[in-house]
């Protein structure tokens, strides 16, 4: 779903647990839209990395959720909300290399423990809230200049 880019584009995508065939499609579409409206390539890379990592975390670790994106002339804001087990120790989860991904995920090439650290590195603002047994919300802002 897209609103016209006069002031803001608003997008929303479902995120399904374990759906590795669809995983990353939202981030790819977001990248394409940013290219079409003329956002700088280095900014697009930060947004693409952040959105992909957040999307994949929800695919791998949650029971499902949604990714909402708001693109304005000054910034792109991404909110990924999921239902699921939540993150038991956020501080630990933010450490490079820490992962709770099961072996069957790692065999597929995911779950290396770089998702959240990559999001932090690529974002201008980052917030994560998680309630054990309920879910997690990740908020990412990347400024366009």
C-alpha atoms as a PDB file:
ATOM      1  CA  UNK A   1       0.000   0.000   0.000  1.00  0.00           C
ATOM      2  CA  UNK A   2       1.458   3.340  -1.004  1.00  0.00           C
ATOM      3  CA  UNK A   3       0.329   6.942  -0.579  1.00  0.00           C
ATOM      4  CA  UNK A   4       1.505   9.564  -3.055  1.00  0.00           C
ATOM      5  CA  UNK A   5       4.959  11.097  -2.407  1.00  0.00           C
ATOM      6  CA  UNK A   6       3.975  14.748  -2.030  1.00  0.00           C
ATOM      7  CA  UNK A   7       4.741  14.768   1.591  1.00  0.00           C
ATOM      8  CA  UNK A   8       4.866  11.172   2.717  1.00  0.00           C
ATOM      9  CA  UNK A   9       4.770   7.600   1.460  1.00  0.00           C
ATOM     10  CA  UNK A  10       3.315   5.048   3.847  1.00  0.00           C
ATOM     11  CA  UNK A  11       3.844   1.329   3.298  1.00  0.00           C
ATOM     12  CA  UNK A  12       2.807  -1.720   5.290  1.00  0.00           C
ATOM     13  CA  UNK A  13       3.861  -5.323   4.850  1.00  0.00           C
ATOM     14  CA  UNK A  14       2.915  -8.522   6.668  1.00  0.00           C
ATOM     15  CA  UNK A  15       5.773 -10.560   8.114  1.00  0.00           C
ATOM     16  CA  UNK A  16       5.131 -14.285   8.407  1.00  0.00           C
ATOM     17  CA  UNK A  17       7.049 -16.561  10.737  1.00  0.00           C
ATOM     18  CA  UNK A  18       9.312 -18.933   8.858  1.00  0.00           C
ATOM     19  CA  UNK A  19       8.344 -17.650   5.399  1.00  0.00           C
ATOM     20  CA  UNK A  20      11.829 -17.531   3.884  1.00  0.00           C
ATOM     21  CA  UNK A  21      10.422 -17.329   0.329  1.00  0.00           C
ATOM     22  CA  UNK A  22       8.802 -13.953   1.059  1.00  0.00           C
ATOM     23  CA  UNK A  23      11.451 -12.769   3.525  1.00  0.00           C
ATOM     24  CA  UNK A  24      13.243  -9.717   2.233  1.00  0.00           C
ATOM     25  CA  UNK A  25      10.626  -8.797  -0.369  1.00  0.00           C
ATOM     26  CA  UNK A  26       9.393  -5.835   1.675  1.00  0.00           C
ATOM     27  CA  UNK A  27      12.932  -4.510   2.039  1.00  0.00           C
ATOM     28  CA  UNK A  28      13.553  -4.938  -1.701  1.00  0.00           C
ATOM     29  CA  UNK A  29      10.384  -3.046  -2.588  1.00  0.00           C
ATOM     30  CA  UNK A  30      11.332  -0.301  -0.142  1.00  0.00           C
ATOM     31  CA  UNK A  31      14.765  -0.015  -1.772  1.00  0.00           C
ATOM     32  CA  UNK A  32      13.188   0.236  -5.231  1.00  0.00           C
ATOM     33  CA  UNK A  33      10.815   2.996  -4.108  1.00  0.00           C
ATOM     34  CA  UNK A  34      13.657   4.961  -2.491  1.00  0.00           C
ATOM     35  CA  UNK A  35      15.637   4.729  -5.732  1.00  0.00           C
ATOM     36  CA  UNK A  36      12.635   5.922  -7.757  1.00  0.00           C
ATOM     37  CA  UNK A  37      12.168   9.025  -5.614  1.00  0.00           C
ATOM     38  CA  UNK A  38      15.854   9.896  -5.779  1.00  0.00           C
ATOM     39  CA  UNK A  39      17.198   9.174  -2.301  1.00  0.00           C
ATOM     40  CA  UNK A  40      21.023   9.031  -2.210  1.00  0.00           C
ATOM     41  CA  UNK A  41      22.562   5.570  -2.650  1.00  0.00           C
ATOM     42  CA  UNK A  42      24.432   5.605   0.687  1.00  0.00           C
ATOM     43  CA  UNK A  43      21.211   6.449   2.529  1.00  0.00           C
ATOM     44  CA  UNK A  44      19.318   3.738   0.646  1.00  0.00           C
ATOM     45  CA  UNK A  45      21.947   1.195   1.696  1.00  0.00           C
ATOM     46  CA  UNK A  46      21.452   2.089   5.386  1.00  0.00           C
ATOM     47  CA  UNK A  47      17.674   1.832   5.066  1.00  0.00           C
ATOM     48  CA  UNK A  48      17.852  -1.436   3.095  1.00  0.00           C
ATOM     49  CA  UNK A  49      20.200  -3.072   5.616  1.00  0.00           C
ATOM     50  CA  UNK A  50      18.128  -1.910   8.602  1.00  0.00           C
ATOM     51  CA  UNK A  51      14.787  -2.949   7.145  1.00  0.00           C
ATOM     52  CA  UNK A  52      16.094  -6.328   5.951  1.00  0.00           C
ATOM     53  CA  UNK A  53      17.644  -7.195   9.319  1.00  0.00           C
ATOM     54  CA  UNK A  54      14.472  -6.201  11.195  1.00  0.00           C
ATOM     55  CA  UNK A  55      12.277  -8.102   8.741  1.00  0.00           C
ATOM     56  CA  UNK A  56      14.444 -11.237   9.000  1.00  0.00           C
ATOM     57  CA  UNK A  57      14.481 -11.097  12.809  1.00  0.00           C
ATOM     58  CA  UNK A  58      10.679 -11.149  12.787  1.00  0.00           C
ATOM     59  CA  UNK A  59      10.599 -14.015  10.253  1.00  0.00           C
ATOM     60  CA  UNK A  60      13.054 -16.061  12.311  1.00  0.00           C
ATOM     61  CA  UNK A  61      12.107 -15.288  15.905  1.00  0.00           C
ATOM     62  CA  UNK A  62       8.448 -14.242  16.026  1.00  0.00           C
ATOM     63  CA  UNK A  63       5.049 -15.773  15.398  1.00  0.00           C
ATOM     64  CA  UNK A  64       4.451 -13.099  12.736  1.00  0.00           C
ATOM     65  CA  UNK A  65       3.870  -9.389  12.607  1.00  0.00           C
ATOM     66  CA  UNK A  66       4.069  -6.383  10.325  1.00  0.00           C
ATOM     67  CA  UNK A  67       6.515  -3.843   9.006  1.00  0.00           C
ATOM     68  CA  UNK A  68       5.322  -0.264   8.629  1.00  0.00           C
ATOM     69  CA  UNK A  69       7.367   2.292   6.711  1.00  0.00           C
ATOM     70  CA  UNK A  70       6.925   6.044   6.493  1.00  0.00           C
ATOM     71  CA  UNK A  71       9.034   7.922   3.940  1.00  0.00           C
ATOM     72  CA  UNK A  72       9.093  11.706   4.169  1.00  0.00           C
ATOM     73  CA  UNK A  73      11.446  14.140   2.444  1.00  0.00           C
ATOM     74  CA  UNK A  74      13.667  14.260   5.555  1.00  0.00           C
ATOM     75  CA  UNK A  75      13.691  10.670   6.805  1.00  0.00           C
ATOM     76  CA  UNK A  76      12.511   7.091   6.542  1.00  0.00           C
ATOM     77  CA  UNK A  77      10.964   5.527   9.621  1.00  0.00           C
ATOM     78  CA  UNK A  78      10.540   1.770   9.933  1.00  0.00           C
ATOM     79  CA  UNK A  79       8.540   0.039  12.643  1.00  0.00           C
ATOM     80  CA  UNK A  80       8.527  -3.730  12.871  1.00  0.00           C
ATOM     81  CA  UNK A  81       6.031  -5.110  15.384  1.00  0.00           C
ATOM     82  CA  UNK A  82       5.776  -8.806  16.039  1.00  0.00           C
ATOM     83  CA  UNK A  83       3.894 -11.204  18.201  1.00  0.00           C
ATOM     84  CA  UNK A  84       6.020 -13.790  19.802  1.00  0.00           C
ATOM     85  CA  UNK A  85       8.227 -14.881  22.591  1.00  0.00           C
ATOM     86  CA  UNK A  86       9.870 -11.475  22.979  1.00  0.00           C
ATOM     87  CA  UNK A  87      13.526 -10.902  23.754  1.00  0.00           C
ATOM     88  CA  UNK A  88      14.592 -12.069  27.173  1.00  0.00           C
ATOM     89  CA  UNK A  89      17.759  -9.936  27.403  1.00  0.00           C
ATOM     90  CA  UNK A  90      17.890  -6.973  24.999  1.00  0.00           C
ATOM     91  CA  UNK A  91      21.350  -5.887  26.129  1.00  0.00           C
ATOM     92  CA  UNK A  92      22.720  -9.328  25.276  1.00  0.00           C
ATOM     93  CA  UNK A  93      20.807  -9.435  21.976  1.00  0.00           C
ATOM     94  CA  UNK A  94      22.495  -6.180  20.918  1.00  0.00           C
ATOM     95  CA  UNK A  95      25.959  -7.742  21.197  1.00  0.00           C
ATOM     96  CA  UNK A  96      27.596  -8.775  17.926  1.00  0.00           C
ATOM     97  CA  UNK A  97      27.568 -12.532  17.462  1.00  0.00           C
ATOM     98  CA  UNK A  98      24.917 -13.292  20.091  1.00  0.00           C
ATOM     99  CA  UNK A  99      22.070 -15.347  18.651  1.00  0.00           C
ATOM    100  CA  UNK A 100      19.205 -17.468  19.882  1.00  0.00           C
ATOM    101  CA  UNK A 101      18.475 -18.812  16.389  1.00  0.00           C
ATOM    102  CA  UNK A 102      18.077 -22.592  16.318  1.00  0.00           C
ATOM    103  CA  UNK A 103      20.421 -24.777  14.278  1.00  0.00           C
ATOM    104  CA  UNK A 104      17.953 -25.268  11.412  1.00  0.00           C
ATOM    105  CA  UNK A 105      18.016 -21.472  10.882  1.00  0.00           C
ATOM    106  CA  UNK A 106      21.809 -21.280  11.043  1.00  0.00           C
ATOM    107  CA  UNK A 107      22.118 -24.056   8.454  1.00  0.00           C
ATOM    108  CA  UNK A 108      20.164 -21.800   6.074  1.00  0.00           C
ATOM    109  CA  UNK A 109      22.752 -19.052   6.555  1.00  0.00           C
ATOM    110  CA  UNK A 110      20.820 -16.911   9.018  1.00  0.00           C
ATOM    111  CA  UNK A 111      21.092 -16.333  12.753  1.00  0.00           C
ATOM    112  CA  UNK A 112      24.682 -15.099  12.966  1.00  0.00           C
ATOM    113  CA  UNK A 113      23.881 -12.572  15.661  1.00  0.00           C
ATOM    114  CA  UNK A 114      24.483  -9.485  13.526  1.00  0.00           C
ATOM    115  CA  UNK A 115      20.878  -8.370  12.922  1.00  0.00           C
ATOM    116  CA  UNK A 116      20.366  -5.909  15.761  1.00  0.00           C
ATOM    117  CA  UNK A 117      23.987  -4.645  15.745  1.00  0.00           C
ATOM    118  CA  UNK A 118      23.671  -3.938  11.990  1.00  0.00           C
ATOM    119  CA  UNK A 119      20.423  -2.053  12.549  1.00  0.00           C
ATOM    120  CA  UNK A 120      22.034   0.074  15.275  1.00  0.00           C
ATOM    121  CA  UNK A 121      25.046   0.779  13.036  1.00  0.00           C
ATOM    122  CA  UNK A 122      22.913   1.824  10.045  1.00  0.00           C
ATOM    123  CA  UNK A 123      20.259   3.893  11.814  1.00  0.00           C
ATOM    124  CA  UNK A 124      20.218   7.463  13.084  1.00  0.00           C
ATOM    125  CA  UNK A 125      17.696   6.549  15.772  1.00  0.00           C
ATOM    126  CA  UNK A 126      16.955   3.095  17.110  1.00  0.00           C
ATOM    127  CA  UNK A 127      14.599   1.846  19.795  1.00  0.00           C
ATOM    128  CA  UNK A 128      13.607  -1.649  20.766  1.00  0.00           C
ATOM    129  CA  UNK A 129      10.907  -2.642  23.218  1.00  0.00           C
ATOM    130  CA  UNK A 130      10.113  -6.232  24.055  1.00  0.00           C
ATOM    131  CA  UNK A 131       7.807  -7.977  26.468  1.00  0.00           C
ATOM    132  CA  UNK A 132       8.501 -11.621  27.156  1.00  0.00           C
ATOM    133  CA  UNK A 133       5.596 -13.744  25.905  1.00  0.00           C
ATOM    134  CA  UNK A 134       4.019 -10.850  23.977  1.00  0.00           C
ATOM    135  CA  UNK A 135       6.350  -9.555  21.287  1.00  0.00           C
ATOM    136  CA  UNK A 136       8.869  -7.001  20.164  1.00  0.00           C
ATOM    137  CA  UNK A 137       8.713  -3.573  18.511  1.00  0.00           C
ATOM    138  CA  UNK A 138      11.745  -2.194  16.692  1.00  0.00           C
ATOM    139  CA  UNK A 139      11.749   1.476  15.616  1.00  0.00           C
ATOM    140  CA  UNK A 140      14.345   2.679  13.134  1.00  0.00           C
ATOM    141  CA  UNK A 141      14.898   6.156  11.716  1.00  0.00           C
ATOM    142  CA  UNK A 142      17.342   6.986   8.949  1.00  0.00           C
ATOM    143  CA  UNK A 143      17.714  10.652   7.982  1.00  0.00           C
ATOM    144  CA  UNK A 144      17.992  11.449   4.291  1.00  0.00           C
ATOM    145  CA  UNK A 145      20.779  14.020   4.752  1.00  0.00           C
END
